[in-house]
PDB file of all heavy atoms in Angstrom:
ATOM      1  N   GLY A   1     -27.858  -6.013  -0.704  1.00  0.00           N
ATOM      2  CA  GLY A   1     -27.774  -6.882  -1.870  1.00  0.00           C
ATOM      3  C   GLY A   1     -26.330  -7.216  -2.190  1.00  0.00           C
ATOM      4  O   GLY A   1     -25.408  -6.715  -1.555  1.00  0.00           O
ATOM      5  N   HIS A   2     -26.148  -8.058  -3.194  1.00  0.00           N
ATOM      6  CA  HIS A   2     -24.797  -8.431  -3.620  1.00  0.00           C
ATOM      7  C   HIS A   2     -24.083  -7.222  -4.224  1.00  0.00           C
ATOM      8  O   HIS A   2     -22.907  -6.996  -3.974  1.00  0.00           O
ATOM      9  CB  HIS A   2     -24.860  -9.584  -4.630  1.00  0.00           C
ATOM     10  CG  HIS A   2     -23.522 -10.102  -5.029  1.00  0.00           C
ATOM     11  ND1 HIS A   2     -22.702 -10.798  -4.156  1.00  0.00           N
ATOM     12  CD2 HIS A   2     -22.842 -10.024  -6.196  1.00  0.00           C
ATOM     13  CE1 HIS A   2     -21.582 -11.119  -4.772  1.00  0.00           C
ATOM     14  NE2 HIS A   2     -21.635 -10.667  -6.010  1.00  0.00           N
ATOM     15  N   SER A   3     -24.806  -6.448  -5.030  1.00  0.00           N
ATOM     16  CA  SER A   3     -24.251  -5.208  -5.596  1.00  0.00           C
ATOM     17  C   SER A   3     -24.618  -4.078  -4.631  1.00  0.00           C
ATOM     18  O   SER A   3     -24.823  -4.311  -3.451  1.00  0.00           O
ATOM     19  CB  SER A   3     -24.850  -4.965  -6.979  1.00  0.00           C
ATOM     20  OG  SER A   3     -26.239  -4.683  -6.866  1.00  0.00           O
ATOM     21  N   ASP A   4     -24.766  -2.861  -5.155  1.00  0.00           N
ATOM     22  CA  ASP A   4     -25.200  -1.757  -4.301  1.00  0.00           C
ATOM     23  C   ASP A   4     -26.705  -1.786  -4.039  1.00  0.00           C
ATOM     24  O   ASP A   4     -27.228  -0.947  -3.324  1.00  0.00           O
ATOM     25  CB  ASP A   4     -24.761  -0.405  -4.875  1.00  0.00           C
ATOM     26  CG  ASP A   4     -25.425  -0.066  -6.198  1.00  0.00           C
ATOM     27  OD1 ASP A   4     -26.353  -0.786  -6.648  1.00  0.00           O
ATOM     28  OD2 ASP A   4     -25.017   0.937  -6.823  1.00  0.00           O
ATOM     29  N   ALA A   5     -27.423  -2.754  -4.633  1.00  0.00           N
ATOM     30  CA  ALA A   5     -28.852  -3.013  -4.385  1.00  0.00           C
ATOM     31  C   ALA A   5     -29.772  -1.887  -4.853  1.00  0.00           C
ATOM     32  O   ALA A   5     -30.866  -1.718  -4.326  1.00  0.00           O
ATOM     33  CB  ALA A   5     -29.097  -3.359  -2.915  1.00  0.00           C
ATOM     34  N   ASP A   6     -29.363  -1.139  -5.849  1.00  0.00           N
ATOM     35  CA  ASP A   6     -30.185  -0.046  -6.385  1.00  0.00           C
ATOM     36  C   ASP A   6     -31.368  -0.649  -7.146  1.00  0.00           C
ATOM     37  O   ASP A   6     -31.263  -1.022  -8.311  1.00  0.00           O
ATOM     38  CB  ASP A   6     -29.337   0.832  -7.310  1.00  0.00           C
ATOM     39  CG  ASP A   6     -30.045   2.085  -7.785  1.00  0.00           C
ATOM     40  OD1 ASP A   6     -31.270   2.043  -8.018  1.00  0.00           O
ATOM     41  OD2 ASP A   6     -29.360   3.112  -7.960  1.00  0.00           O
ATOM     42  N   VAL A   7     -32.512  -0.749  -6.477  1.00  0.00           N
ATOM     43  CA  VAL A   7     -33.668  -1.431  -7.057  1.00  0.00           C
ATOM     44  C   VAL A   7     -34.152  -0.786  -8.345  1.00  0.00           C
ATOM     45  O   VAL A   7     -34.611  -1.484  -9.257  1.00  0.00           O
ATOM     46  CB  VAL A   7     -34.843  -1.564  -6.054  1.00  0.00           C
ATOM     47  CG1 VAL A   7     -34.492  -2.514  -4.929  1.00  0.00           C
ATOM     48  CG2 VAL A   7     -35.292  -0.218  -5.516  1.00  0.00           C
ATOM     49  N   LEU A   8     -34.071   0.521  -8.440  1.00  0.00           N
ATOM     50  CA  LEU A   8     -34.539   1.187  -9.661  1.00  0.00           C
ATOM     51  C   LEU A   8     -33.649   0.849 -10.847  1.00  0.00           C
ATOM     52  O   LEU A   8     -34.140   0.458 -11.912  1.00  0.00           O
ATOM     53  CB  LEU A   8     -34.617   2.704  -9.474  1.00  0.00           C
ATOM     54  CG  LEU A   8     -35.097   3.462 -10.715  1.00  0.00           C
ATOM     55  CD1 LEU A   8     -36.503   3.037 -11.134  1.00  0.00           C
ATOM     56  CD2 LEU A   8     -35.033   4.962 -10.491  1.00  0.00           C
ATOM     57  N   LEU A   9     -32.341   0.969 -10.677  1.00  0.00           N
ATOM     58  CA  LEU A   9     -31.444   0.643 -11.786  1.00  0.00           C
ATOM     59  C   LEU A   9     -31.512  -0.831 -12.142  1.00  0.00           C
ATOM     60  O   LEU A   9     -31.411  -1.191 -13.316  1.00  0.00           O
ATOM     61  CB  LEU A   9     -30.012   1.069 -11.480  1.00  0.00           C
ATOM     62  CG  LEU A   9     -29.766   2.569 -11.378  1.00  0.00           C
ATOM     63  CD1 LEU A   9     -28.277   2.861 -11.303  1.00  0.00           C
ATOM     64  CD2 LEU A   9     -30.410   3.351 -12.504  1.00  0.00           C
ATOM     65  N   HIS A  10     -31.718  -1.690 -11.147  1.00  0.00           N
ATOM     66  CA  HIS A  10     -31.855  -3.120 -11.432  1.00  0.00           C
ATOM     67  C   HIS A  10     -33.099  -3.386 -12.274  1.00  0.00           C
ATOM     68  O   HIS A  10     -33.049  -4.162 -13.234  1.00  0.00           O
ATOM     69  CB  HIS A  10     -31.921  -3.929 -10.147  1.00  0.00           C
ATOM     70  CG  HIS A  10     -30.626  -3.980  -9.412  1.00  0.00           C
ATOM     71  ND1 HIS A  10     -30.465  -4.713  -8.261  1.00  0.00           N
ATOM     72  CD2 HIS A  10     -29.432  -3.395  -9.639  1.00  0.00           C
ATOM     73  CE1 HIS A  10     -29.225  -4.572  -7.811  1.00  0.00           C
ATOM     74  NE2 HIS A  10     -28.576  -3.763  -8.639  1.00  0.00           N
ATOM     75  N   ALA A  11     -34.208  -2.751 -11.923  1.00  0.00           N
ATOM     76  CA  ALA A  11     -35.448  -2.952 -12.680  1.00  0.00           C
ATOM     77  C   ALA A  11     -35.295  -2.449 -14.112  1.00  0.00           C
ATOM     78  O   ALA A  11     -35.725  -3.116 -15.062  1.00  0.00           O
ATOM     79  CB  ALA A  11     -36.614  -2.266 -11.977  1.00  0.00           C
ATOM     80  N   ILE A  12     -34.682  -1.288 -14.293  1.00  0.00           N
ATOM     81  CA  ILE A  12     -34.477  -0.737 -15.632  1.00  0.00           C
ATOM     82  C   ILE A  12     -33.545  -1.639 -16.436  1.00  0.00           C
ATOM     83  O   ILE A  12     -33.818  -1.964 -17.598  1.00  0.00           O
ATOM     84  CB  ILE A  12     -33.945   0.711 -15.558  1.00  0.00           C
ATOM     85  CG1 ILE A  12     -35.037   1.637 -15.010  1.00  0.00           C
ATOM     86  CG2 ILE A  12     -33.454   1.181 -16.930  1.00  0.00           C
ATOM     87  CD1 ILE A  12     -34.559   3.033 -14.664  1.00  0.00           C
ATOM     88  N   THR A  13     -32.450  -2.054 -15.818  1.00  0.00           N
ATOM     89  CA  THR A  13     -31.481  -2.924 -16.488  1.00  0.00           C
ATOM     90  C   THR A  13     -32.144  -4.213 -16.949  1.00  0.00           C
ATOM     91  O   THR A  13     -31.991  -4.638 -18.100  1.00  0.00           O
ATOM     92  CB  THR A  13     -30.302  -3.234 -15.542  1.00  0.00           C
ATOM     93  OG1 THR A  13     -29.670  -1.991 -15.176  1.00  0.00           O
ATOM     94  CG2 THR A  13     -29.284  -4.154 -16.192  1.00  0.00           C
ATOM     95  N   GLU A  14     -32.898  -4.844 -16.058  1.00  0.00           N
ATOM     96  CA  GLU A  14     -33.528  -6.111 -16.406  1.00  0.00           C
ATOM     97  C   GLU A  14     -34.651  -5.946 -17.422  1.00  0.00           C
ATOM     98  O   GLU A  14     -34.879  -6.835 -18.250  1.00  0.00           O
ATOM     99  CB  GLU A  14     -34.035  -6.814 -15.152  1.00  0.00           C
ATOM    100  CG  GLU A  14     -34.493  -8.234 -15.434  1.00  0.00           C
ATOM    101  CD  GLU A  14     -34.713  -9.030 -14.184  1.00  0.00           C
ATOM    102  OE1 GLU A  14     -35.713  -8.759 -13.479  1.00  0.00           O
ATOM    103  OE2 GLU A  14     -33.885  -9.915 -13.902  1.00  0.00           O
ATOM    104  N   ALA A  15     -35.344  -4.812 -17.400  1.00  0.00           N
ATOM    105  CA  ALA A  15     -36.385  -4.558 -18.405  1.00  0.00           C
ATOM    106  C   ALA A  15     -35.766  -4.481 -19.802  1.00  0.00           C
ATOM    107  O   ALA A  15     -36.338  -4.981 -20.776  1.00  0.00           O
ATOM    108  CB  ALA A  15     -37.150  -3.285 -18.071  1.00  0.00           C
ATOM    109  N   ILE A  16     -34.593  -3.876 -19.906  1.00  0.00           N
ATOM    110  CA  ILE A  16     -33.888  -3.800 -21.194  1.00  0.00           C
ATOM    111  C   ILE A  16     -33.471  -5.203 -21.630  1.00  0.00           C
ATOM    112  O   ILE A  16     -33.668  -5.586 -22.794  1.00  0.00           O
ATOM    113  CB  ILE A  16     -32.680  -2.851 -21.100  1.00  0.00           C
ATOM    114  CG1 ILE A  16     -33.152  -1.414 -20.856  1.00  0.00           C
ATOM    115  CG2 ILE A  16     -31.822  -2.934 -22.377  1.00  0.00           C
ATOM    116  CD1 ILE A  16     -32.056  -0.460 -20.419  1.00  0.00           C
ATOM    117  N   ILE A  17     -32.921  -5.972 -20.715  1.00  0.00           N
ATOM    118  CA  ILE A  17     -32.531  -7.354 -21.015  1.00  0.00           C
ATOM    119  C   ILE A  17     -33.749  -8.149 -21.487  1.00  0.00           C
ATOM    120  O   ILE A  17     -33.694  -8.883 -22.472  1.00  0.00           O
ATOM    121  CB  ILE A  17     -31.883  -8.017 -19.776  1.00  0.00           C
ATOM    122  CG1 ILE A  17     -30.539  -7.355 -19.452  1.00  0.00           C
ATOM    123  CG2 ILE A  17     -31.705  -9.520 -19.995  1.00  0.00           C
ATOM    124  CD1 ILE A  17     -29.980  -7.722 -18.084  1.00  0.00           C
ATOM    125  N   GLY A  18     -34.869  -7.985 -20.796  1.00  0.00           N
ATOM    126  CA  GLY A  18     -36.095  -8.687 -21.148  1.00  0.00           C
ATOM    127  C   GLY A  18     -36.624  -8.300 -22.515  1.00  0.00           C
ATOM    128  O   GLY A  18     -37.086  -9.157 -23.274  1.00  0.00           O
ATOM    129  N   ALA A  19     -36.555  -7.010 -22.833  1.00  0.00           N
ATOM    130  CA  ALA A  19     -37.034  -6.558 -24.142  1.00  0.00           C
ATOM    131  C   ALA A  19     -36.228  -7.180 -25.269  1.00  0.00           C
ATOM    132  O   ALA A  19     -36.743  -7.402 -26.367  1.00  0.00           O
ATOM    133  CB  ALA A  19     -36.981  -5.031 -24.227  1.00  0.00           C
ATOM    134  N   MET A  20     -34.962  -7.489 -25.005  1.00  0.00           N
ATOM    135  CA  MET A  20     -34.116  -8.128 -26.017  1.00  0.00           C
ATOM    136  C   MET A  20     -34.240  -9.655 -25.974  1.00  0.00           C
ATOM    137  O   MET A  20     -33.581 -10.347 -26.748  1.00  0.00           O
ATOM    138  CB  MET A  20     -32.650  -7.732 -25.802  1.00  0.00           C
ATOM    139  CG  MET A  20     -32.374  -6.266 -26.017  1.00  0.00           C
ATOM    140  SD  MET A  20     -30.604  -5.875 -25.938  1.00  0.00           S
ATOM    141  CE  MET A  20     -30.202  -6.241 -24.223  1.00  0.00           C
ATOM    142  N   ALA A  21     -35.073 -10.184 -25.071  1.00  0.00           N
ATOM    143  CA  ALA A  21     -35.254 -11.625 -24.885  1.00  0.00           C
ATOM    144  C   ALA A  21     -33.934 -12.327 -24.578  1.00  0.00           C
ATOM    145  O   ALA A  21     -33.617 -13.370 -25.115  1.00  0.00           O
ATOM    146  CB  ALA A  21     -35.941 -12.256 -26.099  1.00  0.00           C
ATOM    147  N   MET A  22     -33.153 -11.708 -23.660  1.00  0.00           N
ATOM    148  CA  MET A  22     -31.841 -12.242 -23.293  1.00  0.00           C
ATOM    149  C   MET A  22     -31.772 -12.690 -21.842  1.00  0.00           C
ATOM    150  O   MET A  22     -30.707 -12.659 -21.230  1.00  0.00           O
ATOM    151  CB  MET A  22     -30.759 -11.206 -23.577  1.00  0.00           C
ATOM    152  CG  MET A  22     -30.546 -10.926 -25.030  1.00  0.00           C
ATOM    153  SD  MET A  22     -29.129  -9.819 -25.251  1.00  0.00           S
ATOM    154  CE  MET A  22     -28.964  -9.867 -27.030  1.00  0.00           C
ATOM    155  N   GLY A  23     -32.906 -13.084 -21.282  1.00  0.00           N
ATOM    156  CA  GLY A  23     -32.879 -13.604 -19.919  1.00  0.00           C
ATOM    157  C   GLY A  23     -33.147 -12.552 -18.875  1.00  0.00           C
ATOM    158  O   GLY A  23     -34.034 -11.717 -19.031  1.00  0.00           O
ATOM    159  N   ASP A  24     -32.342 -12.587 -17.811  1.00  0.00           N
ATOM    160  CA  ASP A  24     -32.552 -11.672 -16.697  1.00  0.00           C
ATOM    161  C   ASP A  24     -31.215 -11.115 -16.204  1.00  0.00           C
ATOM    162  O   ASP A  24     -30.149 -11.499 -16.686  1.00  0.00           O
ATOM    163  CB  ASP A  24     -33.322 -12.351 -15.568  1.00  0.00           C
ATOM    164  CG  ASP A  24     -32.624 -13.580 -15.016  1.00  0.00           C
ATOM    165  OD1 ASP A  24     -31.376 -13.642 -15.030  1.00  0.00           O
ATOM    166  OD2 ASP A  24     -33.330 -14.485 -14.556  1.00  0.00           O
ATOM    167  N   ILE A  25     -31.292 -10.247 -15.222  1.00  0.00           N
ATOM    168  CA  ILE A  25     -30.094  -9.575 -14.707  1.00  0.00           C
ATOM    169  C   ILE A  25     -29.115 -10.573 -14.079  1.00  0.00           C
ATOM    170  O   ILE A  25     -27.904 -10.408 -14.169  1.00  0.00           O
ATOM    171  CB  ILE A  25     -30.488  -8.444 -13.724  1.00  0.00           C
ATOM    172  CG1 ILE A  25     -29.315  -7.475 -13.510  1.00  0.00           C
ATOM    173  CG2 ILE A  25     -31.046  -8.994 -12.432  1.00  0.00           C
ATOM    174  CD1 ILE A  25     -29.696  -6.188 -12.811  1.00  0.00           C
ATOM    175  N   GLY A  26     -29.655 -11.643 -13.476  1.00  0.00           N
ATOM    176  CA  GLY A  26     -28.801 -12.661 -12.875  1.00  0.00           C
ATOM    177  C   GLY A  26     -27.994 -13.440 -13.907  1.00  0.00           C
ATOM    178  O   GLY A  26     -26.906 -13.930 -13.612  1.00  0.00           O
ATOM    179  N   HIS A  27     -28.514 -13.542 -15.113  1.00  0.00           N
ATOM    180  CA  HIS A  27     -27.779 -14.194 -16.202  1.00  0.00           C
ATOM    181  C   HIS A  27     -26.544 -13.369 -16.578  1.00  0.00           C
ATOM    182  O   HIS A  27     -25.467 -13.900 -16.793  1.00  0.00           O
ATOM    183  CB  HIS A  27     -28.695 -14.367 -17.415  1.00  0.00           C
ATOM    184  CG  HIS A  27     -27.999 -14.845 -18.644  1.00  0.00           C
ATOM    185  ND1 HIS A  27     -27.620 -16.160 -18.820  1.00  0.00           N
ATOM    186  CD2 HIS A  27     -27.581 -14.175 -19.752  1.00  0.00           C
ATOM    187  CE1 HIS A  27     -27.013 -16.276 -19.996  1.00  0.00           C
ATOM    188  NE2 HIS A  27     -26.975 -15.094 -20.573  1.00  0.00           N
ATOM    189  N   PHE A  28     -26.729 -12.060 -16.647  1.00  0.00           N
ATOM    190  CA  PHE A  28     -25.622 -11.161 -17.010  1.00  0.00           C
ATOM    191  C   PHE A  28     -24.656 -10.938 -15.853  1.00  0.00           C
ATOM    192  O   PHE A  28     -23.450 -10.846 -16.057  1.00  0.00           O
ATOM    193  CB  PHE A  28     -26.176  -9.805 -17.469  1.00  0.00           C
ATOM    194  CG  PHE A  28     -26.596  -9.762 -18.895  1.00  0.00           C
ATOM    195  CD1 PHE A  28     -27.798 -10.321 -19.298  1.00  0.00           C
ATOM    196  CD2 PHE A  28     -25.790  -9.169 -19.864  1.00  0.00           C
ATOM    197  CE1 PHE A  28     -28.199 -10.286 -20.626  1.00  0.00           C
ATOM    198  CE2 PHE A  28     -26.173  -9.129 -21.192  1.00  0.00           C
ATOM    199  CZ  PHE A  28     -27.384  -9.693 -21.576  1.00  0.00           C
ATOM    200  N   PHE A  29     -25.197 -10.808 -14.644  1.00  0.00           N
ATOM    201  CA  PHE A  29     -24.403 -10.434 -13.475  1.00  0.00           C
ATOM    202  C   PHE A  29     -24.742 -11.363 -12.302  1.00  0.00           C
ATOM    203  O   PHE A  29     -25.454 -10.973 -11.381  1.00  0.00           O
ATOM    204  CB  PHE A  29     -24.670  -8.976 -13.097  1.00  0.00           C
ATOM    205  CG  PHE A  29     -24.620  -8.027 -14.263  1.00  0.00           C
ATOM    206  CD1 PHE A  29     -25.786  -7.468 -14.775  1.00  0.00           C
ATOM    207  CD2 PHE A  29     -23.412  -7.705 -14.871  1.00  0.00           C
ATOM    208  CE1 PHE A  29     -25.748  -6.600 -15.859  1.00  0.00           C
ATOM    209  CE2 PHE A  29     -23.360  -6.838 -15.958  1.00  0.00           C
ATOM    210  CZ  PHE A  29     -24.533  -6.288 -16.452  1.00  0.00           C
ATOM    211  N   PRO A  30     -24.231 -12.591 -12.302  1.00  0.00           N
ATOM    212  CA  PRO A  30     -24.587 -13.561 -11.262  1.00  0.00           C
ATOM    213  C   PRO A  30     -24.199 -13.080  -9.860  1.00  0.00           C
ATOM    214  O   PRO A  30     -23.106 -12.535  -9.664  1.00  0.00           O
ATOM    215  CB  PRO A  30     -23.778 -14.808 -11.633  1.00  0.00           C
ATOM    216  CG  PRO A  30     -23.231 -14.576 -12.995  1.00  0.00           C
ATOM    217  CD  PRO A  30     -23.276 -13.120 -13.276  1.00  0.00           C
ATOM    218  N   ASP A  31     -25.110 -13.301  -8.911  1.00  0.00           N
ATOM    219  CA  ASP A  31     -24.832 -12.843  -7.545  1.00  0.00           C
ATOM    220  C   ASP A  31     -23.833 -13.737  -6.802  1.00  0.00           C
ATOM    221  O   ASP A  31     -23.477 -13.447  -5.668  1.00  0.00           O
ATOM    222  CB  ASP A  31     -26.119 -12.665  -6.744  1.00  0.00           C
ATOM    223  CG  ASP A  31     -26.875 -13.958  -6.511  1.00  0.00           C
ATOM    224  OD1 ASP A  31     -26.378 -15.034  -6.895  1.00  0.00           O
ATOM    225  OD2 ASP A  31     -27.972 -13.879  -5.928  1.00  0.00           O
ATOM    226  N   ASN A  32     -23.370 -14.794  -7.460  1.00  0.00           N
ATOM    227  CA  ASN A  32     -22.314 -15.603  -6.850  1.00  0.00           C
ATOM    228  C   ASN A  32     -20.941 -15.285  -7.451  1.00  0.00           C
ATOM    229  O   ASN A  32     -19.960 -15.943  -7.140  1.00  0.00           O
ATOM    230  CB  ASN A  32     -22.629 -17.098  -6.976  1.00  0.00           C
ATOM    231  CG  ASN A  32     -22.777 -17.550  -8.425  1.00  0.00           C
ATOM    232  OD1 ASN A  32     -22.654 -16.745  -9.352  1.00  0.00           O
ATOM    233  ND2 ASN A  32     -23.052 -18.831  -8.611  1.00  0.00           N
ATOM    234  N   ASP A  33     -20.889 -14.268  -8.302  1.00  0.00           N
ATOM    235  CA  ASP A  33     -19.618 -13.841  -8.900  1.00  0.00           C
ATOM    236  C   ASP A  33     -19.034 -12.713  -8.049  1.00  0.00           C
ATOM    237  O   ASP A  33     -19.624 -11.636  -7.936  1.00  0.00           O
ATOM    238  CB  ASP A  33     -19.857 -13.358 -10.333  1.00  0.00           C
ATOM    239  CG  ASP A  33     -18.566 -13.093 -11.091  1.00  0.00           C
ATOM    240  OD1 ASP A  33     -17.539 -12.767 -10.440  1.00  0.00           O
ATOM    241  OD2 ASP A  33     -18.580 -13.200 -12.322  1.00  0.00           O
ATOM    242  N   PRO A  34     -17.872 -12.939  -7.425  1.00  0.00           N
ATOM    243  CA  PRO A  34     -17.295 -11.930  -6.534  1.00  0.00           C
ATOM    244  C   PRO A  34     -16.996 -10.592  -7.205  1.00  0.00           C
ATOM    245  O   PRO A  34     -16.935  -9.568  -6.522  1.00  0.00           O
ATOM    246  CB  PRO A  34     -16.002 -12.577  -6.022  1.00  0.00           C
ATOM    247  CG  PRO A  34     -15.865 -13.894  -6.679  1.00  0.00           C
ATOM    248  CD  PRO A  34     -17.076 -14.148  -7.513  1.00  0.00           C
ATOM    249  N   LYS A  35     -16.832 -10.575  -8.528  1.00  0.00           N
ATOM    250  CA  LYS A  35     -16.512  -9.279  -9.169  1.00  0.00           C
ATOM    251  C   LYS A  35     -17.689  -8.307  -9.122  1.00  0.00           C
ATOM    252  O   LYS A  35     -17.502  -7.117  -9.329  1.00  0.00           O
ATOM    253  CB  LYS A  35     -16.012  -9.481 -10.597  1.00  0.00           C
ATOM    254  CG  LYS A  35     -17.028  -9.800 -11.635  1.00  0.00           C
ATOM    255  CD  LYS A  35     -16.352  -9.910 -12.997  1.00  0.00           C
ATOM    256  CE  LYS A  35     -17.307 -10.310 -14.074  1.00  0.00           C
ATOM    257  NZ  LYS A  35     -16.658 -10.459 -15.362  1.00  0.00           N
TER     258      LYS A  35
END
């Protein structure tokens, strides 16, 4: 993956984002951002 591809942490992170109705993990951490 673009990051370390930790599927579990990605799912947890995005579930929190979703519960706050703030989009998805790609909104916060775009996979086209080199950082």
